[in-house]
C-alpha atoms as a PDB file:
ATOM      1  CA  UNK A   1     148.181   6.992 -39.529  1.00  0.00           C
ATOM      2  CA  UNK A   2     146.690   5.575 -36.328  1.00  0.00           C
ATOM      3  CA  UNK A   3     143.887   7.273 -34.455  1.00  0.00           C
ATOM      4  CA  UNK A   4     145.146  10.484 -32.849  1.00  0.00           C
ATOM      5  CA  UNK A   5     144.410  11.469 -29.257  1.00  0.00           C
ATOM      6  CA  UNK A   6     147.212  13.971 -28.553  1.00  0.00           C
ATOM      7  CA  UNK A   7     147.965  17.260 -30.323  1.00  0.00           C
ATOM      8  CA  UNK A   8     151.131  19.358 -30.160  1.00  0.00           C
ATOM      9  CA  UNK A   9     150.781  22.959 -31.365  1.00  0.00           C
ATOM     10  CA  UNK A  10     153.519  25.302 -32.472  1.00  0.00           C
ATOM     11  CA  UNK A  11     153.012  28.847 -31.099  1.00  0.00           C
ATOM     12  CA  UNK A  12     154.185  31.574 -33.531  1.00  0.00           C
ATOM     13  CA  UNK A  13     152.387  31.259 -36.844  1.00  0.00           C
ATOM     14  CA  UNK A  14     150.025  28.593 -35.525  1.00  0.00           C
ATOM     15  CA  UNK A  15     148.308  29.864 -32.378  1.00  0.00           C
ATOM     16  CA  UNK A  16     149.342  33.526 -32.493  1.00  0.00           C
ATOM     17  CA  UNK A  17     150.789  35.976 -34.998  1.00  0.00           C
ATOM     18  CA  UNK A  18     153.902  37.545 -33.429  1.00  0.00           C
ATOM     19  CA  UNK A  19     155.418  38.850 -36.675  1.00  0.00           C
ATOM     20  CA  UNK A  20     155.530  42.482 -35.545  1.00  0.00           C
ATOM     21  CA  UNK A  21     157.134  41.630 -32.218  1.00  0.00           C
ATOM     22  CA  UNK A  22     159.745  39.241 -33.571  1.00  0.00           C
ATOM     23  CA  UNK A  23     160.796  41.344 -36.543  1.00  0.00           C
ATOM     24  CA  UNK A  24     160.798  44.574 -34.528  1.00  0.00           C
ATOM     25  CA  UNK A  25     163.157  43.021 -31.990  1.00  0.00           C
ATOM     26  CA  UNK A  26     165.430  41.610 -34.716  1.00  0.00           C
ATOM     27  CA  UNK A  27     165.690  45.035 -36.362  1.00  0.00           C
ATOM     28  CA  UNK A  28     166.418  46.593 -32.943  1.00  0.00           C
ATOM     29  CA  UNK A  29     169.198  44.098 -32.209  1.00  0.00           C
ATOM     30  CA  UNK A  30     170.841  44.530 -35.601  1.00  0.00           C
ATOM     31  CA  UNK A  31     170.636  48.328 -35.378  1.00  0.00           C
ATOM     32  CA  UNK A  32     172.387  48.235 -32.015  1.00  0.00           C
ATOM     33  CA  UNK A  33     175.147  46.222 -33.684  1.00  0.00           C
ATOM     34  CA  UNK A  34     175.406  48.722 -36.525  1.00  0.00           C
ATOM     35  CA  UNK A  35     173.827  46.375 -39.053  1.00  0.00           C
ATOM     36  CA  UNK A  36     171.095  47.328 -41.555  1.00  0.00           C
ATOM     37  CA  UNK A  37     167.568  46.020 -41.307  1.00  0.00           C
ATOM     38  CA  UNK A  38     167.009  42.809 -43.309  1.00  0.00           C
ATOM     39  CA  UNK A  39     164.642  42.831 -46.271  1.00  0.00           C
ATOM     40  CA  UNK A  40     161.093  41.533 -45.986  1.00  0.00           C
ATOM     41  CA  UNK A  41     161.937  38.042 -47.225  1.00  0.00           C
ATOM     42  CA  UNK A  42     164.752  37.633 -44.698  1.00  0.00           C
ATOM     43  CA  UNK A  43     162.495  38.801 -41.871  1.00  0.00           C
ATOM     44  CA  UNK A  44     159.686  36.500 -42.998  1.00  0.00           C
ATOM     45  CA  UNK A  45     162.082  33.546 -42.798  1.00  0.00           C
ATOM     46  CA  UNK A  46     162.787  34.361 -39.135  1.00  0.00           C
ATOM     47  CA  UNK A  47     159.305  33.381 -37.939  1.00  0.00           C
ATOM     48  CA  UNK A  48     159.657  29.874 -36.574  1.00  0.00           C
ATOM     49  CA  UNK A  49     163.343  28.891 -36.408  1.00  0.00           C
ATOM     50  CA  UNK A  50     165.329  29.339 -33.166  1.00  0.00           C
ATOM     51  CA  UNK A  51     166.735  32.857 -32.765  1.00  0.00           C
ATOM     52  CA  UNK A  52     170.342  31.725 -32.547  1.00  0.00           C
ATOM     53  CA  UNK A  53     169.930  30.126 -35.955  1.00  0.00           C
ATOM     54  CA  UNK A  54     168.307  33.297 -37.310  1.00  0.00           C
ATOM     55  CA  UNK A  55     171.042  35.604 -36.042  1.00  0.00           C
ATOM     56  CA  UNK A  56     173.799  33.332 -37.343  1.00  0.00           C
ATOM     57  CA  UNK A  57     172.198  33.609 -40.780  1.00  0.00           C
ATOM     58  CA  UNK A  58     171.430  37.328 -40.636  1.00  0.00           C
ATOM     59  CA  UNK A  59     174.891  38.222 -39.341  1.00  0.00           C
ATOM     60  CA  UNK A  60     176.659  35.744 -41.606  1.00  0.00           C
ATOM     61  CA  UNK A  61     178.660  34.386 -38.704  1.00  0.00           C
ATOM     62  CA  UNK A  62     179.353  31.396 -36.479  1.00  0.00           C
ATOM     63  CA  UNK A  63     180.848  33.650 -33.786  1.00  0.00           C
ATOM     64  CA  UNK A  64     179.020  32.489 -30.671  1.00  0.00           C
ATOM     65  CA  UNK A  65     179.830  35.665 -28.740  1.00  0.00           C
ATOM     66  CA  UNK A  66     178.360  37.884 -31.483  1.00  0.00           C
ATOM     67  CA  UNK A  67     175.256  35.712 -31.810  1.00  0.00           C
ATOM     68  CA  UNK A  68     174.680  35.800 -28.049  1.00  0.00           C
ATOM     69  CA  UNK A  69     175.138  39.585 -28.032  1.00  0.00           C
ATOM     70  CA  UNK A  70     172.497  39.928 -30.753  1.00  0.00           C
ATOM     71  CA  UNK A  71     170.196  37.633 -28.803  1.00  0.00           C
ATOM     72  CA  UNK A  72     170.639  39.713 -25.639  1.00  0.00           C
ATOM     73  CA  UNK A  73     169.768  42.884 -27.566  1.00  0.00           C
ATOM     74  CA  UNK A  74     166.714  41.164 -29.051  1.00  0.00           C
ATOM     75  CA  UNK A  75     165.508  40.125 -25.614  1.00  0.00           C
ATOM     76  CA  UNK A  76     166.138  43.631 -24.289  1.00  0.00           C
ATOM     77  CA  UNK A  77     163.237  44.854 -26.420  1.00  0.00           C
ATOM     78  CA  UNK A  78     161.194  41.640 -26.459  1.00  0.00           C
ATOM     79  CA  UNK A  79     161.016  41.555 -22.651  1.00  0.00           C
ATOM     80  CA  UNK A  80     159.368  44.982 -22.554  1.00  0.00           C
ATOM     81  CA  UNK A  81     157.342  45.309 -25.747  1.00  0.00           C
ATOM     82  CA  UNK A  82     157.973  42.555 -28.285  1.00  0.00           C
ATOM     83  CA  UNK A  83     155.964  39.801 -26.642  1.00  0.00           C
ATOM     84  CA  UNK A  84     152.908  42.085 -26.561  1.00  0.00           C
ATOM     85  CA  UNK A  85     153.149  42.898 -30.297  1.00  0.00           C
ATOM     86  CA  UNK A  86     151.226  39.733 -30.875  1.00  0.00           C
ATOM     87  CA  UNK A  87     147.673  38.474 -31.294  1.00  0.00           C
ATOM     88  CA  UNK A  88     145.905  35.120 -31.402  1.00  0.00           C
ATOM     89  CA  UNK A  89     144.626  34.133 -34.822  1.00  0.00           C
ATOM     90  CA  UNK A  90     140.938  34.780 -35.297  1.00  0.00           C
ATOM     91  CA  UNK A  91     138.873  31.681 -34.445  1.00  0.00           C
ATOM     92  CA  UNK A  92     141.786  29.923 -32.673  1.00  0.00           C
ATOM     93  CA  UNK A  93     139.874  29.916 -29.378  1.00  0.00           C
ATOM     94  CA  UNK A  94     136.896  28.315 -31.121  1.00  0.00           C
ATOM     95  CA  UNK A  95     139.075  25.698 -32.805  1.00  0.00           C
ATOM     96  CA  UNK A  96     140.824  24.803 -29.535  1.00  0.00           C
ATOM     97  CA  UNK A  97     137.479  24.638 -27.738  1.00  0.00           C
ATOM     98  CA  UNK A  98     136.140  22.186 -30.321  1.00  0.00           C
ATOM     99  CA  UNK A  99     139.246  20.002 -30.137  1.00  0.00           C
ATOM    100  CA  UNK A 100     139.164  19.994 -26.334  1.00  0.00           C
ATOM    101  CA  UNK A 101     135.499  19.029 -26.343  1.00  0.00           C
ATOM    102  CA  UNK A 102     136.383  16.090 -28.602  1.00  0.00           C
ATOM    103  CA  UNK A 103     138.727  14.835 -25.877  1.00  0.00           C
ATOM    104  CA  UNK A 104     142.024  15.516 -27.586  1.00  0.00           C
ATOM    105  CA  UNK A 105     144.862  16.226 -25.164  1.00  0.00           C
ATOM    106  CA  UNK A 106     146.582  19.464 -26.205  1.00  0.00           C
ATOM    107  CA  UNK A 107     150.173  20.676 -25.690  1.00  0.00           C
ATOM    108  CA  UNK A 108     152.291  23.578 -26.933  1.00  0.00           C
ATOM    109  CA  UNK A 109     155.707  22.780 -28.435  1.00  0.00           C
ATOM    110  CA  UNK A 110     157.478  25.962 -29.550  1.00  0.00           C
ATOM    111  CA  UNK A 111     160.955  27.222 -30.428  1.00  0.00           C
ATOM    112  CA  UNK A 112     160.173  30.334 -28.367  1.00  0.00           C
ATOM    113  CA  UNK A 113     161.841  30.164 -24.939  1.00  0.00           C
ATOM    114  CA  UNK A 114     159.453  28.741 -22.388  1.00  0.00           C
ATOM    115  CA  UNK A 115     159.722  31.917 -20.281  1.00  0.00           C
ATOM    116  CA  UNK A 116     158.017  33.898 -23.059  1.00  0.00           C
ATOM    117  CA  UNK A 117     155.771  31.119 -24.321  1.00  0.00           C
ATOM    118  CA  UNK A 118     154.194  30.744 -20.879  1.00  0.00           C
ATOM    119  CA  UNK A 119     153.706  34.508 -20.630  1.00  0.00           C
ATOM    120  CA  UNK A 120     152.000  34.689 -24.038  1.00  0.00           C
ATOM    121  CA  UNK A 121     149.772  31.666 -23.429  1.00  0.00           C
ATOM    122  CA  UNK A 122     148.592  33.174 -20.131  1.00  0.00           C
ATOM    123  CA  UNK A 123     148.167  36.715 -21.479  1.00  0.00           C
ATOM    124  CA  UNK A 124     145.889  35.608 -24.312  1.00  0.00           C
ATOM    125  CA  UNK A 125     143.753  33.286 -22.188  1.00  0.00           C
ATOM    126  CA  UNK A 126     144.915  30.056 -23.797  1.00  0.00           C
ATOM    127  CA  UNK A 127     146.276  28.259 -20.718  1.00  0.00           C
ATOM    128  CA  UNK A 128     143.169  26.222 -19.947  1.00  0.00           C
ATOM    129  CA  UNK A 129     143.338  24.486 -23.318  1.00  0.00           C
ATOM    130  CA  UNK A 130     146.783  22.978 -22.765  1.00  0.00           C
ATOM    131  CA  UNK A 131     148.042  20.240 -20.461  1.00  0.00           C
ATOM    132  CA  UNK A 132     151.581  21.708 -20.653  1.00  0.00           C
ATOM    133  CA  UNK A 133     153.739  24.160 -22.595  1.00  0.00           C
ATOM    134  CA  UNK A 134     157.177  23.146 -23.877  1.00  0.00           C
ATOM    135  CA  UNK A 135     159.885  25.500 -25.086  1.00  0.00           C
ATOM    136  CA  UNK A 136     163.692  25.712 -24.833  1.00  0.00           C
ATOM    137  CA  UNK A 137     165.366  27.490 -21.946  1.00  0.00           C
ATOM    138  CA  UNK A 138     167.065  30.864 -22.399  1.00  0.00           C
ATOM    139  CA  UNK A 139     170.454  29.178 -22.651  1.00  0.00           C
ATOM    140  CA  UNK A 140     169.399  27.220 -25.737  1.00  0.00           C
ATOM    141  CA  UNK A 141     168.776  23.798 -24.229  1.00  0.00           C
ATOM    142  CA  UNK A 142     166.294  21.966 -26.487  1.00  0.00           C
ATOM    143  CA  UNK A 143     166.518  24.671 -29.189  1.00  0.00           C
ATOM    144  CA  UNK A 144     166.179  21.909 -31.794  1.00  0.00           C
ATOM    145  CA  UNK A 145     162.461  21.201 -32.031  1.00  0.00           C
ATOM    146  CA  UNK A 146     163.114  17.530 -32.756  1.00  0.00           C
ATOM    147  CA  UNK A 147     164.764  17.234 -29.345  1.00  0.00           C
ATOM    148  CA  UNK A 148     162.133  19.392 -27.656  1.00  0.00           C
ATOM    149  CA  UNK A 149     159.286  17.266 -28.997  1.00  0.00           C
ATOM    150  CA  UNK A 150     161.132  14.078 -28.021  1.00  0.00           C
ATOM    151  CA  UNK A 151     161.516  15.455 -24.497  1.00  0.00           C
ATOM    152  CA  UNK A 152     157.812  16.318 -24.273  1.00  0.00           C
ATOM    153  CA  UNK A 153     156.720  12.900 -25.534  1.00  0.00           C
ATOM    154  CA  UNK A 154     158.954  11.140 -23.004  1.00  0.00           C
ATOM    155  CA  UNK A 155     157.982  13.360 -20.078  1.00  0.00           C
ATOM    156  CA  UNK A 156     154.256  12.926 -20.760  1.00  0.00           C
ATOM    157  CA  UNK A 157     154.600   9.204 -21.563  1.00  0.00           C
ATOM    158  CA  UNK A 158     152.827   9.725 -24.886  1.00  0.00           C
ATOM    159  CA  UNK A 159     152.590   7.109 -27.606  1.00  0.00           C
ATOM    160  CA  UNK A 160     154.001   9.026 -30.579  1.00  0.00           C
ATOM    161  CA  UNK A 161     151.960   7.039 -33.099  1.00  0.00           C
ATOM    162  CA  UNK A 162     148.808   8.514 -31.537  1.00  0.00           C
ATOM    163  CA  UNK A 163     150.068  12.110 -31.592  1.00  0.00           C
ATOM    164  CA  UNK A 164     150.006  14.905 -34.179  1.00  0.00           C
ATOM    165  CA  UNK A 165     152.325  17.910 -34.485  1.00  0.00           C
ATOM    166  CA  UNK A 166     150.616  21.024 -35.876  1.00  0.00           C
ATOM    167  CA  UNK A 167     152.733  23.903 -37.154  1.00  0.00           C
ATOM    168  CA  UNK A 168     153.481  26.310 -39.972  1.00  0.00           C
ATOM    169  CA  UNK A 169     157.171  25.707 -40.717  1.00  0.00           C
ATOM    170  CA  UNK A 170     159.407  22.925 -41.965  1.00  0.00           C
ATOM    171  CA  UNK A 171     161.018  22.350 -38.579  1.00  0.00           C
ATOM    172  CA  UNK A 172     157.595  21.442 -37.146  1.00  0.00           C
ATOM    173  CA  UNK A 173     157.082  18.780 -39.784  1.00  0.00           C
ATOM    174  CA  UNK A 174     160.616  17.437 -39.405  1.00  0.00           C
ATOM    175  CA  UNK A 175     160.221  17.268 -35.640  1.00  0.00           C
ATOM    176  CA  UNK A 176     157.051  15.224 -36.070  1.00  0.00           C
ATOM    177  CA  UNK A 177     158.617  12.782 -38.506  1.00  0.00           C
ATOM    178  CA  UNK A 178     161.746  12.467 -36.378  1.00  0.00           C
ATOM    179  CA  UNK A 179     159.510  11.373 -33.519  1.00  0.00           C
ATOM    180  CA  UNK A 180     157.348   9.035 -35.637  1.00  0.00           C
ATOM    181  CA  UNK A 181     154.185  11.095 -35.275  1.00  0.00           C
ATOM    182  CA  UNK A 182     151.731  12.711 -37.659  1.00  0.00           C
ATOM    183  CA  UNK A 183     152.507  16.121 -39.171  1.00  0.00           C
ATOM    184  CA  UNK A 184     149.800  18.677 -40.010  1.00  0.00           C
ATOM    185  CA  UNK A 185     150.987  21.862 -41.722  1.00  0.00           C
ATOM    186  CA  UNK A 186     148.956  25.079 -41.436  1.00  0.00           C
ATOM    187  CA  UNK A 187     148.977  27.522 -44.348  1.00  0.00           C
ATOM    188  CA  UNK A 188     147.608  30.569 -42.521  1.00  0.00           C
ATOM    189  CA  UNK A 189     151.019  31.033 -40.838  1.00  0.00           C
ATOM    190  CA  UNK A 190     154.407  31.672 -42.459  1.00  0.00           C
ATOM    191  CA  UNK A 191     155.286  28.468 -44.294  1.00  0.00           C
ATOM    192  CA  UNK A 192     154.243  27.672 -47.859  1.00  0.00           C
ATOM    193  CA  UNK A 193     152.632  24.471 -49.056  1.00  0.00           C
ATOM    194  CA  UNK A 194     155.897  23.644 -50.857  1.00  0.00           C
ATOM    195  CA  UNK A 195     157.916  24.102 -47.667  1.00  0.00           C
ATOM    196  CA  UNK A 196     155.555  22.031 -45.569  1.00  0.00           C
ATOM    197  CA  UNK A 197     155.011  19.155 -47.995  1.00  0.00           C
ATOM    198  CA  UNK A 198     158.726  19.136 -48.792  1.00  0.00           C
ATOM    199  CA  UNK A 199     159.417  18.655 -45.079  1.00  0.00           C
ATOM    200  CA  UNK A 200     157.015  15.711 -44.908  1.00  0.00           C
ATOM    201  CA  UNK A 201     153.616  17.098 -43.884  1.00  0.00           C
ATOM    202  CA  UNK A 202     150.960  14.385 -44.026  1.00  0.00           C
ATOM    203  CA  UNK A 203     148.209  16.972 -44.553  1.00  0.00           C
ATOM    204  CA  UNK A 204     147.689  20.731 -44.864  1.00  0.00           C
ATOM    205  CA  UNK A 205     145.120  23.078 -43.325  1.00  0.00           C
ATOM    206  CA  UNK A 206     144.404  26.407 -44.995  1.00  0.00           C
ATOM    207  CA  UNK A 207     142.294  28.118 -42.328  1.00  0.00           C
ATOM    208  CA  UNK A 208     142.066  28.210 -38.544  1.00  0.00           C
ATOM    209  CA  UNK A 209     138.369  27.317 -38.656  1.00  0.00           C
ATOM    210  CA  UNK A 210     139.252  24.132 -40.558  1.00  0.00           C
ATOM    211  CA  UNK A 211     141.629  22.811 -37.869  1.00  0.00           C
ATOM    212  CA  UNK A 212     139.120  20.453 -36.186  1.00  0.00           C
ATOM    213  CA  UNK A 213     138.189  18.857 -39.508  1.00  0.00           C
ATOM    214  CA  UNK A 214     141.852  18.582 -40.557  1.00  0.00           C
ATOM    215  CA  UNK A 215     142.778  16.936 -37.254  1.00  0.00           C
ATOM    216  CA  UNK A 216     139.852  14.550 -37.588  1.00  0.00           C
ATOM    217  CA  UNK A 217     140.961  13.600 -41.093  1.00  0.00           C
ATOM    218  CA  UNK A 218     144.534  12.993 -39.936  1.00  0.00           C
ATOM    219  CA  UNK A 219     143.313  10.896 -37.040  1.00  0.00           C
ATOM    220  CA  UNK A 220     141.242   8.642 -39.217  1.00  0.00           C
ATOM    221  CA  UNK A 221     138.000   9.764 -37.632  1.00  0.00           C
ATOM    222  CA  UNK A 222     134.848  10.231 -39.660  1.00  0.00           C
ATOM    223  CA  UNK A 223     134.096  13.971 -39.446  1.00  0.00           C
ATOM    224  CA  UNK A 224     130.455  13.330 -40.347  1.00  0.00           C
ATOM    225  CA  UNK A 225     130.030  11.532 -37.027  1.00  0.00           C
ATOM    226  CA  UNK A 226     131.564  14.259 -34.916  1.00  0.00           C
ATOM    227  CA  UNK A 227     129.300  16.747 -33.108  1.00  0.00           C
END
């Protein structure tokens, strides 16, 4: 892997923990449709993938109208309360500060619609770390993270070989590999080591505090020489 100078961060499960907000809104939407609440494993699997994909799976359907109705009900609650049922991971501000001070250029690349991603980044005081935030629109354009990351790389004129995607789920790793960039999986989120390595992660990071060292290792830098 060539020396890295650009970092793309997933949001849910990487920068913040929005499990309560996401799962609460999913349960709300399904209840409004007369469906039972999913079990814990099914809810756990919903952290990361696009919501349309989640509702298709949870409802066992390809009916676009039903999926969009579920999504509207989800957003009904998320708009008011769900986005606030969230918190940055402990030490994430410190890790981002260290990476910024080492002259990495930081971006957010998330499956969460940009409307909500921007709101969350601002609310938790993370905006100053990032050059830009990328997420799909509410209509689903760029829902596939491979396409979203490709769009971000092109818009920012980034050399993919010098960039690293950091996230906690398989789709983050696949997006990185699809765009010929490095893939760093984080284990403090919702993906397992098996999921992340199976999707092609080049390296894994177990703790938020270890992010700077993990990035340095991926980038080929000698951590002993870093301040």
